[in-house]
C-alpha atoms as a PDB file:
ATOM      1  CA  UNK A   1      83.887 111.836 141.909  1.00  0.00           C
ATOM      2  CA  UNK A   2      80.883 114.077 142.438  1.00  0.00           C
ATOM      3  CA  UNK A   3      81.311 117.393 140.628  1.00  0.00           C
ATOM      4  CA  UNK A   4      80.269 119.730 143.407  1.00  0.00           C
ATOM      5  CA  UNK A   5      81.287 123.365 143.725  1.00  0.00           C
ATOM      6  CA  UNK A   6      81.229 122.911 147.522  1.00  0.00           C
ATOM      7  CA  UNK A   7      83.334 119.740 147.459  1.00  0.00           C
ATOM      8  CA  UNK A   8      86.625 121.651 147.653  1.00  0.00           C
ATOM      9  CA  UNK A   9      86.124 124.620 149.968  1.00  0.00           C
ATOM     10  CA  UNK A  10      89.259 126.503 148.954  1.00  0.00           C
ATOM     11  CA  UNK A  11      89.283 126.976 145.191  1.00  0.00           C
ATOM     12  CA  UNK A  12      92.698 128.407 144.322  1.00  0.00           C
ATOM     13  CA  UNK A  13      91.800 128.830 140.636  1.00  0.00           C
ATOM     14  CA  UNK A  14      88.476 130.610 141.079  1.00  0.00           C
ATOM     15  CA  UNK A  15      89.819 133.879 139.618  1.00  0.00           C
ATOM     16  CA  UNK A  16      90.645 132.241 136.304  1.00  0.00           C
ATOM     17  CA  UNK A  17      88.272 131.865 133.396  1.00  0.00           C
ATOM     18  CA  UNK A  18      86.661 128.381 133.612  1.00  0.00           C
ATOM     19  CA  UNK A  19      87.702 127.703 130.022  1.00  0.00           C
ATOM     20  CA  UNK A  20      91.346 128.347 130.877  1.00  0.00           C
ATOM     21  CA  UNK A  21      91.369 126.176 133.987  1.00  0.00           C
ATOM     22  CA  UNK A  22      89.547 123.355 132.213  1.00  0.00           C
ATOM     23  CA  UNK A  23      92.025 123.343 129.316  1.00  0.00           C
ATOM     24  CA  UNK A  24      94.974 123.569 131.699  1.00  0.00           C
ATOM     25  CA  UNK A  25      93.652 120.748 133.914  1.00  0.00           C
ATOM     26  CA  UNK A  26      92.971 118.437 130.966  1.00  0.00           C
ATOM     27  CA  UNK A  27      96.427 119.109 129.545  1.00  0.00           C
ATOM     28  CA  UNK A  28      98.067 118.332 132.890  1.00  0.00           C
ATOM     29  CA  UNK A  29      96.016 115.151 133.320  1.00  0.00           C
ATOM     30  CA  UNK A  30      96.953 113.995 129.814  1.00  0.00           C
ATOM     31  CA  UNK A  31     100.617 114.663 130.607  1.00  0.00           C
ATOM     32  CA  UNK A  32     100.486 113.018 134.043  1.00  0.00           C
ATOM     33  CA  UNK A  33      99.141 109.710 132.705  1.00  0.00           C
ATOM     34  CA  UNK A  34     102.125 109.513 130.327  1.00  0.00           C
ATOM     35  CA  UNK A  35     104.868 110.320 132.846  1.00  0.00           C
ATOM     36  CA  UNK A  36     107.029 107.315 133.724  1.00  0.00           C
ATOM     37  CA  UNK A  37     109.441 108.973 136.145  1.00  0.00           C
ATOM     38  CA  UNK A  38     108.446 108.209 139.734  1.00  0.00           C
ATOM     39  CA  UNK A  39     110.249 111.297 141.038  1.00  0.00           C
ATOM     40  CA  UNK A  40     108.281 113.606 138.738  1.00  0.00           C
ATOM     41  CA  UNK A  41     105.014 111.847 139.580  1.00  0.00           C
ATOM     42  CA  UNK A  42     105.755 112.128 143.298  1.00  0.00           C
ATOM     43  CA  UNK A  43     106.527 115.834 142.820  1.00  0.00           C
ATOM     44  CA  UNK A  44     103.218 116.414 141.015  1.00  0.00           C
ATOM     45  CA  UNK A  45     101.309 114.597 143.758  1.00  0.00           C
ATOM     46  CA  UNK A  46     103.130 116.533 146.483  1.00  0.00           C
ATOM     47  CA  UNK A  47     102.394 119.906 144.864  1.00  0.00           C
ATOM     48  CA  UNK A  48      98.706 119.033 144.428  1.00  0.00           C
ATOM     49  CA  UNK A  49      98.421 117.837 148.030  1.00  0.00           C
ATOM     50  CA  UNK A  50     100.108 121.016 149.237  1.00  0.00           C
ATOM     51  CA  UNK A  51      97.614 123.153 147.314  1.00  0.00           C
ATOM     52  CA  UNK A  52      94.721 121.035 148.602  1.00  0.00           C
ATOM     53  CA  UNK A  53      95.980 120.775 152.181  1.00  0.00           C
ATOM     54  CA  UNK A  54      92.986 122.639 153.677  1.00  0.00           C
ATOM     55  CA  UNK A  55      90.672 119.974 152.280  1.00  0.00           C
ATOM     56  CA  UNK A  56      92.965 117.066 153.120  1.00  0.00           C
ATOM     57  CA  UNK A  57      90.294 114.929 154.839  1.00  0.00           C
ATOM     58  CA  UNK A  58      87.909 115.318 151.899  1.00  0.00           C
ATOM     59  CA  UNK A  59      90.694 114.507 149.450  1.00  0.00           C
ATOM     60  CA  UNK A  60      91.605 111.315 151.309  1.00  0.00           C
ATOM     61  CA  UNK A  61      87.961 110.178 151.360  1.00  0.00           C
ATOM     62  CA  UNK A  62      87.654 110.716 147.606  1.00  0.00           C
ATOM     63  CA  UNK A  63      90.931 108.924 146.838  1.00  0.00           C
ATOM     64  CA  UNK A  64      90.056 105.772 148.828  1.00  0.00           C
ATOM     65  CA  UNK A  65      87.970 104.227 145.969  1.00  0.00           C
ATOM     66  CA  UNK A  66      91.033 104.514 143.715  1.00  0.00           C
ATOM     67  CA  UNK A  67      92.921 102.163 146.002  1.00  0.00           C
ATOM     68  CA  UNK A  68      90.866  99.277 144.582  1.00  0.00           C
ATOM     69  CA  UNK A  69      92.608  99.739 141.232  1.00  0.00           C
ATOM     70  CA  UNK A  70      95.946 100.139 142.989  1.00  0.00           C
ATOM     71  CA  UNK A  71      95.454  96.805 144.781  1.00  0.00           C
ATOM     72  CA  UNK A  72      94.830  95.158 141.409  1.00  0.00           C
ATOM     73  CA  UNK A  73      98.164  96.462 140.126  1.00  0.00           C
ATOM     74  CA  UNK A  74      99.927  95.230 143.258  1.00  0.00           C
ATOM     75  CA  UNK A  75      98.330  91.791 142.903  1.00  0.00           C
ATOM     76  CA  UNK A  76      99.535  91.556 139.305  1.00  0.00           C
ATOM     77  CA  UNK A  77     102.999  92.585 140.448  1.00  0.00           C
ATOM     78  CA  UNK A  78     102.967  89.979 143.226  1.00  0.00           C
ATOM     79  CA  UNK A  79     102.199  87.168 140.761  1.00  0.00           C
ATOM     80  CA  UNK A  80     104.782  88.389 138.267  1.00  0.00           C
ATOM     81  CA  UNK A  81     102.268  89.619 135.698  1.00  0.00           C
ATOM     82  CA  UNK A  82     103.534  93.200 136.004  1.00  0.00           C
ATOM     83  CA  UNK A  83     106.911  94.662 136.861  1.00  0.00           C
ATOM     84  CA  UNK A  84     106.952  96.291 140.337  1.00  0.00           C
ATOM     85  CA  UNK A  85     108.258  99.561 138.873  1.00  0.00           C
ATOM     86  CA  UNK A  86     105.466  99.607 136.283  1.00  0.00           C
ATOM     87  CA  UNK A  87     102.874  98.894 138.991  1.00  0.00           C
ATOM     88  CA  UNK A  88     104.023 101.850 141.066  1.00  0.00           C
ATOM     89  CA  UNK A  89     104.105 104.067 137.976  1.00  0.00           C
ATOM     90  CA  UNK A  90     100.473 103.213 137.208  1.00  0.00           C
ATOM     91  CA  UNK A  91      99.490 103.837 140.840  1.00  0.00           C
ATOM     92  CA  UNK A  92     101.168 107.241 140.897  1.00  0.00           C
ATOM     93  CA  UNK A  93      99.634 108.153 137.538  1.00  0.00           C
ATOM     94  CA  UNK A  94      96.136 107.401 138.806  1.00  0.00           C
ATOM     95  CA  UNK A  95      96.635 109.458 141.956  1.00  0.00           C
ATOM     96  CA  UNK A  96      98.216 112.393 140.110  1.00  0.00           C
ATOM     97  CA  UNK A  97      95.361 112.504 137.597  1.00  0.00           C
ATOM     98  CA  UNK A  98      92.808 112.367 140.435  1.00  0.00           C
ATOM     99  CA  UNK A  99      94.532 115.146 142.388  1.00  0.00           C
ATOM    100  CA  UNK A 100      94.773 117.414 139.334  1.00  0.00           C
ATOM    101  CA  UNK A 101      91.110 116.720 138.646  1.00  0.00           C
ATOM    102  CA  UNK A 102      90.186 117.674 142.223  1.00  0.00           C
ATOM    103  CA  UNK A 103      92.301 120.800 142.049  1.00  0.00           C
ATOM    104  CA  UNK A 104      91.201 122.132 138.677  1.00  0.00           C
ATOM    105  CA  UNK A 105      87.815 120.695 137.722  1.00  0.00           C
ATOM    106  CA  UNK A 106      85.858 119.500 140.785  1.00  0.00           C
ATOM    107  CA  UNK A 107      85.571 122.980 142.404  1.00  0.00           C
ATOM    108  CA  UNK A 108      83.926 124.283 139.221  1.00  0.00           C
ATOM    109  CA  UNK A 109      80.799 122.262 139.876  1.00  0.00           C
ATOM    110  CA  UNK A 110      78.672 120.495 137.309  1.00  0.00           C
ATOM    111  CA  UNK A 111      76.740 123.613 136.270  1.00  0.00           C
ATOM    112  CA  UNK A 112      79.852 125.666 135.547  1.00  0.00           C
ATOM    113  CA  UNK A 113      81.464 122.731 133.743  1.00  0.00           C
ATOM    114  CA  UNK A 114      78.414 122.359 131.483  1.00  0.00           C
ATOM    115  CA  UNK A 115      78.418 126.088 130.729  1.00  0.00           C
ATOM    116  CA  UNK A 116      82.158 125.986 130.058  1.00  0.00           C
ATOM    117  CA  UNK A 117      81.827 123.087 127.632  1.00  0.00           C
ATOM    118  CA  UNK A 118      79.064 124.996 125.861  1.00  0.00           C
ATOM    119  CA  UNK A 119      81.306 128.063 125.625  1.00  0.00           C
ATOM    120  CA  UNK A 120      84.004 125.834 124.090  1.00  0.00           C
ATOM    121  CA  UNK A 121      81.513 124.753 121.395  1.00  0.00           C
ATOM    122  CA  UNK A 122      81.218 121.155 122.565  1.00  0.00           C
ATOM    123  CA  UNK A 123      78.221 119.332 121.098  1.00  0.00           C
ATOM    124  CA  UNK A 124      75.155 120.399 123.088  1.00  0.00           C
ATOM    125  CA  UNK A 125      73.668 116.886 123.101  1.00  0.00           C
ATOM    126  CA  UNK A 126      76.814 115.480 124.718  1.00  0.00           C
ATOM    127  CA  UNK A 127      76.698 118.214 127.361  1.00  0.00           C
ATOM    128  CA  UNK A 128      73.075 117.382 128.158  1.00  0.00           C
ATOM    129  CA  UNK A 129      73.929 113.677 128.473  1.00  0.00           C
ATOM    130  CA  UNK A 130      76.784 114.518 130.834  1.00  0.00           C
ATOM    131  CA  UNK A 131      74.633 116.862 132.885  1.00  0.00           C
ATOM    132  CA  UNK A 132      71.632 114.569 133.280  1.00  0.00           C
ATOM    133  CA  UNK A 133      73.639 111.359 133.703  1.00  0.00           C
ATOM    134  CA  UNK A 134      75.885 112.849 136.358  1.00  0.00           C
ATOM    135  CA  UNK A 135      72.873 114.255 138.172  1.00  0.00           C
ATOM    136  CA  UNK A 136      70.734 111.124 138.270  1.00  0.00           C
ATOM    137  CA  UNK A 137      73.362 108.431 138.660  1.00  0.00           C
ATOM    138  CA  UNK A 138      73.937 109.735 142.184  1.00  0.00           C
ATOM    139  CA  UNK A 139      70.216 109.640 142.880  1.00  0.00           C
ATOM    140  CA  UNK A 140      70.293 105.976 141.847  1.00  0.00           C
ATOM    141  CA  UNK A 141      73.277 105.419 144.135  1.00  0.00           C
ATOM    142  CA  UNK A 142      71.469 107.015 147.082  1.00  0.00           C
ATOM    143  CA  UNK A 143      68.408 104.898 146.400  1.00  0.00           C
ATOM    144  CA  UNK A 144      70.443 101.700 146.362  1.00  0.00           C
ATOM    145  CA  UNK A 145      72.330 102.627 149.535  1.00  0.00           C
ATOM    146  CA  UNK A 146      69.128 103.478 151.400  1.00  0.00           C
ATOM    147  CA  UNK A 147      67.479 100.245 150.252  1.00  0.00           C
ATOM    148  CA  UNK A 148      70.496  98.167 151.296  1.00  0.00           C
ATOM    149  CA  UNK A 149      70.554  99.840 154.699  1.00  0.00           C
ATOM    150  CA  UNK A 150      66.831  99.205 155.162  1.00  0.00           C
ATOM    151  CA  UNK A 151      67.322  95.578 154.097  1.00  0.00           C
ATOM    152  CA  UNK A 152      70.081  95.099 156.676  1.00  0.00           C
ATOM    153  CA  UNK A 153      67.943  96.583 159.442  1.00  0.00           C
ATOM    154  CA  UNK A 154      65.025  94.278 158.608  1.00  0.00           C
ATOM    155  CA  UNK A 155      67.020  91.160 157.807  1.00  0.00           C
ATOM    156  CA  UNK A 156      66.118  88.005 159.691  1.00  0.00           C
ATOM    157  CA  UNK A 157      69.108  86.986 161.814  1.00  0.00           C
ATOM    158  CA  UNK A 158      68.311  83.315 161.073  1.00  0.00           C
ATOM    159  CA  UNK A 159      68.403  83.861 157.304  1.00  0.00           C
ATOM    160  CA  UNK A 160      72.109  83.749 156.639  1.00  0.00           C
ATOM    161  CA  UNK A 161      74.266  82.586 153.801  1.00  0.00           C
ATOM    162  CA  UNK A 162      76.102  84.138 150.903  1.00  0.00           C
ATOM    163  CA  UNK A 163      73.507  82.994 148.342  1.00  0.00           C
ATOM    164  CA  UNK A 164      70.645  84.611 150.249  1.00  0.00           C
ATOM    165  CA  UNK A 165      72.648  87.827 150.670  1.00  0.00           C
ATOM    166  CA  UNK A 166      73.495  88.137 146.975  1.00  0.00           C
ATOM    167  CA  UNK A 167      69.907  87.410 145.981  1.00  0.00           C
ATOM    168  CA  UNK A 168      68.748  90.184 148.296  1.00  0.00           C
ATOM    169  CA  UNK A 169      71.305  92.624 146.848  1.00  0.00           C
ATOM    170  CA  UNK A 170      70.249  91.707 143.298  1.00  0.00           C
ATOM    171  CA  UNK A 171      66.595  92.315 144.157  1.00  0.00           C
ATOM    172  CA  UNK A 172      67.403  95.697 145.704  1.00  0.00           C
ATOM    173  CA  UNK A 173      69.437  96.792 142.695  1.00  0.00           C
ATOM    174  CA  UNK A 174      66.809  95.571 140.221  1.00  0.00           C
ATOM    175  CA  UNK A 175      64.056  97.452 142.073  1.00  0.00           C
ATOM    176  CA  UNK A 176      66.166 100.627 142.206  1.00  0.00           C
ATOM    177  CA  UNK A 177      67.008 100.366 138.505  1.00  0.00           C
ATOM    178  CA  UNK A 178      63.359  99.847 137.555  1.00  0.00           C
ATOM    179  CA  UNK A 179      62.355 102.855 139.660  1.00  0.00           C
ATOM    180  CA  UNK A 180      65.114 104.930 138.039  1.00  0.00           C
ATOM    181  CA  UNK A 181      63.931 103.994 134.541  1.00  0.00           C
ATOM    182  CA  UNK A 182      60.380 104.979 135.435  1.00  0.00           C
ATOM    183  CA  UNK A 183      61.614 108.226 136.975  1.00  0.00           C
ATOM    184  CA  UNK A 184      63.687 108.996 133.878  1.00  0.00           C
ATOM    185  CA  UNK A 185      60.609 108.660 131.685  1.00  0.00           C
ATOM    186  CA  UNK A 186      58.688 111.051 133.948  1.00  0.00           C
ATOM    187  CA  UNK A 187      61.550 113.555 133.964  1.00  0.00           C
ATOM    188  CA  UNK A 188      61.884 113.318 130.172  1.00  0.00           C
ATOM    189  CA  UNK A 189      58.167 113.971 129.725  1.00  0.00           C
ATOM    190  CA  UNK A 190      58.312 116.930 132.127  1.00  0.00           C
ATOM    191  CA  UNK A 191      61.285 118.426 130.285  1.00  0.00           C
ATOM    192  CA  UNK A 192      59.549 118.115 126.926  1.00  0.00           C
ATOM    193  CA  UNK A 193      56.428 119.790 128.337  1.00  0.00           C
ATOM    194  CA  UNK A 194      58.605 122.731 129.414  1.00  0.00           C
ATOM    195  CA  UNK A 195      60.152 123.122 125.965  1.00  0.00           C
ATOM    196  CA  UNK A 196      63.474 121.364 126.559  1.00  0.00           C
ATOM    197  CA  UNK A 197      65.034 120.661 123.148  1.00  0.00           C
ATOM    198  CA  UNK A 198      67.834 118.397 124.363  1.00  0.00           C
ATOM    199  CA  UNK A 199      70.436 121.125 124.879  1.00  0.00           C
ATOM    200  CA  UNK A 200      71.383 122.815 128.139  1.00  0.00           C
ATOM    201  CA  UNK A 201      71.029 126.570 127.465  1.00  0.00           C
ATOM    202  CA  UNK A 202      74.139 128.688 127.866  1.00  0.00           C
ATOM    203  CA  UNK A 203      73.390 131.404 130.404  1.00  0.00           C
ATOM    204  CA  UNK A 204      76.873 132.577 131.362  1.00  0.00           C
ATOM    205  CA  UNK A 205      79.224 134.940 129.564  1.00  0.00           C
ATOM    206  CA  UNK A 206      82.931 134.491 130.215  1.00  0.00           C
ATOM    207  CA  UNK A 207      85.657 137.076 129.732  1.00  0.00           C
ATOM    208  CA  UNK A 208      89.150 135.939 128.826  1.00  0.00           C
ATOM    209  CA  UNK A 209      91.907 137.905 130.576  1.00  0.00           C
ATOM    210  CA  UNK A 210      95.681 138.096 130.474  1.00  0.00           C
ATOM    211  CA  UNK A 211      96.066 135.811 133.486  1.00  0.00           C
ATOM    212  CA  UNK A 212      94.070 133.133 131.660  1.00  0.00           C
ATOM    213  CA  UNK A 213      96.403 133.331 128.679  1.00  0.00           C
ATOM    214  CA  UNK A 214      99.404 133.034 130.998  1.00  0.00           C
ATOM    215  CA  UNK A 215      97.923 129.986 132.753  1.00  0.00           C
ATOM    216  CA  UNK A 216      97.178 128.123 129.526  1.00  0.00           C
ATOM    217  CA  UNK A 217     100.478 129.116 127.910  1.00  0.00           C
ATOM    218  CA  UNK A 218     102.596 128.007 130.864  1.00  0.00           C
ATOM    219  CA  UNK A 219     100.686 124.739 131.172  1.00  0.00           C
ATOM    220  CA  UNK A 220     101.038 123.781 127.518  1.00  0.00           C
ATOM    221  CA  UNK A 221     104.649 124.972 127.485  1.00  0.00           C
ATOM    222  CA  UNK A 222     105.507 122.646 130.369  1.00  0.00           C
ATOM    223  CA  UNK A 223     103.718 119.762 128.659  1.00  0.00           C
ATOM    224  CA  UNK A 224     105.528 120.382 125.362  1.00  0.00           C
ATOM    225  CA  UNK A 225     108.933 120.693 127.043  1.00  0.00           C
ATOM    226  CA  UNK A 226     108.475 117.459 128.960  1.00  0.00           C
ATOM    227  CA  UNK A 227     107.093 115.692 125.879  1.00  0.00           C
ATOM    228  CA  UNK A 228     110.061 116.644 123.721  1.00  0.00           C
ATOM    229  CA  UNK A 229     112.488 115.728 126.511  1.00  0.00           C
ATOM    230  CA  UNK A 230     110.871 112.299 126.776  1.00  0.00           C
ATOM    231  CA  UNK A 231     111.003 111.800 123.010  1.00  0.00           C
ATOM    232  CA  UNK A 232     114.480 113.174 122.263  1.00  0.00           C
ATOM    233  CA  UNK A 233     116.201 112.790 125.674  1.00  0.00           C
ATOM    234  CA  UNK A 234     117.108 116.487 125.775  1.00  0.00           C
ATOM    235  CA  UNK A 235     115.279 119.809 126.149  1.00  0.00           C
ATOM    236  CA  UNK A 236     114.220 121.635 122.997  1.00  0.00           C
ATOM    237  CA  UNK A 237     116.290 124.672 123.874  1.00  0.00           C
ATOM    238  CA  UNK A 238     119.525 122.683 124.405  1.00  0.00           C
END
């Protein structure tokens, strides 16, 4: 999903320090992909959808690509390769992780995420790779989509057939990839001329507050309580 600060118009966590919300979101995602109880997974999804209700149409559009993976699980279940309960668990896990991601991380935007990772002392080279890759992979996507649309508009109605179509798609993708490689070399040369040393400079200063500590503490406390309950079949305080 495109990391865009304008993707989710109502950011409920905007008052929190980006470091706190990132840590909390990652912890919740890690916990969600290990939950096996369908009731708990449904509750997580319902809470996330309730918090994201004002952007419901956008959320649905972004979740649609995930349905491809869900169909694969259902197909495996249909042929007996996967238990139906396990298939639904995997489907709910994917959707819960996506919803938490859209609630906690997507509204930050790519720039804030890069600055947050830098503030958390993540390797600067990895941050630069994330930043540049995420930026230009969507340019490549737009190029391919525009080329495919142009090809469809100019296609000879008499030239039909699956082989011809796939050859045309392969040519479009190859041309777009070659153009992207050439563009990446030009961008790299321009960055070096401007003194870019391979690391995105940190330009933001964050201030940790009490509410950030509460958010992170409650999140990790919930994860620990559920983890111990799953492991020992009872709560740690019982």
